[in-house]
Amino acid sequence: METALKDRGVRIWRLRSRGAMSAVREVLSRAGRLGLLHVLCEGGGCLAESLVRAGAVDRYVFFVAPILL
């Protein structure tokens, strides 16, 4: 699977960090070194909390479905 993704141009980062907070910082640091200034992080409450606690959130955008499925 990893080879197939790499063949399609996907970059896979293996993190040295342990724990959500240090992993968030490492990923955002790497993204910054690549020149990425805007990142959409889609996930659950744990990811959202880690980003907020790391001081990595500049803006919140909420998408709400018109009906509950």
C-alpha atoms as a PDB file:
ATOM      1  CA  MET A   1       0.000   0.000   0.000  1.00  0.00           C
ATOM      2  CA  GLU A   2       2.747   2.462   0.941  1.00  0.00           C
ATOM      3  CA  THR A   3       4.569   1.896  -2.343  1.00  0.00           C
ATOM      4  CA  ALA A   4       1.376   2.453  -4.329  1.00  0.00           C
ATOM      5  CA  LEU A   5       0.785   5.749  -2.520  1.00  0.00           C
ATOM      6  CA  LYS A   6       4.366   6.896  -3.066  1.00  0.00           C
ATOM      7  CA  ASP A   7       4.079   6.004  -6.759  1.00  0.00           C
ATOM      8  CA  ARG A   8       1.196   8.488  -6.906  1.00  0.00           C
ATOM      9  CA  GLY A   9       3.252  11.257  -5.328  1.00  0.00           C
ATOM     10  CA  VAL A  10       2.082  10.884  -1.736  1.00  0.00           C
ATOM     11  CA  ARG A  11       4.607  11.843   0.944  1.00  0.00           C
ATOM     12  CA  ILE A  12       4.518   9.672   4.033  1.00  0.00           C
ATOM     13  CA  TRP A  13       6.031  11.077   7.208  1.00  0.00           C
ATOM     14  CA  ARG A  14       7.063   8.811  10.029  1.00  0.00           C
ATOM     15  CA  LEU A  15       6.978  10.793  13.231  1.00  0.00           C
ATOM     16  CA  ARG A  16       9.592  10.525  15.956  1.00  0.00           C
ATOM     17  CA  SER A  17       7.262  12.268  18.363  1.00  0.00           C
ATOM     18  CA  ARG A  18       5.302  10.484  21.027  1.00  0.00           C
ATOM     19  CA  GLY A  19       2.037  11.972  22.178  1.00  0.00           C
ATOM     20  CA  ALA A  20      -0.488  14.175  20.447  1.00  0.00           C
ATOM     21  CA  MET A  21       1.012  17.551  21.364  1.00  0.00           C
ATOM     22  CA  SER A  22       4.522  16.867  20.102  1.00  0.00           C
ATOM     23  CA  ALA A  23       3.162  15.111  16.992  1.00  0.00           C
ATOM     24  CA  VAL A  24       1.058  18.172  16.108  1.00  0.00           C
ATOM     25  CA  ARG A  25       4.082  20.428  16.480  1.00  0.00           C
ATOM     26  CA  GLU A  26       6.256  18.121  14.374  1.00  0.00           C
ATOM     27  CA  VAL A  27       3.729  17.849  11.544  1.00  0.00           C
ATOM     28  CA  LEU A  28       3.109  21.601  11.435  1.00  0.00           C
ATOM     29  CA  SER A  29       6.843  22.300  11.549  1.00  0.00           C
ATOM     30  CA  ARG A  30       7.442  19.994   8.598  1.00  0.00           C
ATOM     31  CA  ALA A  31       4.541  21.542   6.705  1.00  0.00           C
ATOM     32  CA  GLY A  32       5.978  25.004   7.320  1.00  0.00           C
ATOM     33  CA  ARG A  33       9.394  23.971   6.004  1.00  0.00           C
ATOM     34  CA  LEU A  34       7.638  22.858   2.810  1.00  0.00           C
ATOM     35  CA  GLY A  35       6.047  26.294   2.491  1.00  0.00           C
ATOM     36  CA  LEU A  36       2.541  25.225   3.473  1.00  0.00           C
ATOM     37  CA  LEU A  37       0.873  28.194   5.129  1.00  0.00           C
ATOM     38  CA  HIS A  38      -2.688  26.901   5.357  1.00  0.00           C
ATOM     39  CA  VAL A  39      -3.679  23.443   6.530  1.00  0.00           C
ATOM     40  CA  LEU A  40      -7.170  22.000   6.806  1.00  0.00           C
ATOM     41  CA  CYS A  41      -7.255  19.503   9.659  1.00  0.00           C
ATOM     42  CA  GLU A  42     -10.285  17.276   9.539  1.00  0.00           C
ATOM     43  CA  GLY A  43     -10.748  14.950  12.434  1.00  0.00           C
ATOM     44  CA  GLY A  44     -12.395  14.403  15.743  1.00  0.00           C
ATOM     45  CA  GLY A  45     -12.267  16.064  19.113  1.00  0.00           C
ATOM     46  CA  CYS A  46      -8.822  14.728  20.067  1.00  0.00           C
ATOM     47  CA  LEU A  47      -7.182  16.278  17.009  1.00  0.00           C
ATOM     48  CA  ALA A  48      -9.034  19.560  17.523  1.00  0.00           C
ATOM     49  CA  GLU A  49      -7.971  19.707  21.170  1.00  0.00           C
ATOM     50  CA  SER A  50      -4.338  18.957  20.300  1.00  0.00           C
ATOM     51  CA  LEU A  51      -4.264  21.738  17.721  1.00  0.00           C
ATOM     52  CA  VAL A  52      -5.807  24.277  20.107  1.00  0.00           C
ATOM     53  CA  ARG A  53      -3.489  23.320  22.984  1.00  0.00           C
ATOM     54  CA  ALA A  54      -0.466  23.577  20.656  1.00  0.00           C
ATOM     55  CA  GLY A  55      -1.504  27.130  19.775  1.00  0.00           C
ATOM     56  CA  ALA A  56      -1.785  26.134  16.135  1.00  0.00           C
ATOM     57  CA  VAL A  57      -5.309  27.382  15.414  1.00  0.00           C
ATOM     58  CA  ASP A  58      -5.661  30.768  13.722  1.00  0.00           C
ATOM     59  CA  ARG A  59      -9.231  30.388  12.561  1.00  0.00           C
ATOM     60  CA  TYR A  60     -12.147  28.053  13.173  1.00  0.00           C
ATOM     61  CA  VAL A  61     -14.428  26.984  10.340  1.00  0.00           C
ATOM     62  CA  PHE A  62     -17.452  24.855  11.114  1.00  0.00           C
ATOM     63  CA  PHE A  63     -19.405  22.804   8.607  1.00  0.00           C
ATOM     64  CA  VAL A  64     -22.817  21.667   9.778  1.00  0.00           C
ATOM     65  CA  ALA A  65     -24.911  19.122   7.915  1.00  0.00           C
ATOM     66  CA  PRO A  66     -28.477  20.236   7.221  1.00  0.00           C
ATOM     67  CA  ILE A  67     -29.849  16.973   8.654  1.00  0.00           C
ATOM     68  CA  LEU A  68     -28.701  14.446  11.178  1.00  0.00           C
ATOM     69  CA  LEU A  69     -28.104  11.047   9.616  1.00  0.00           C
END
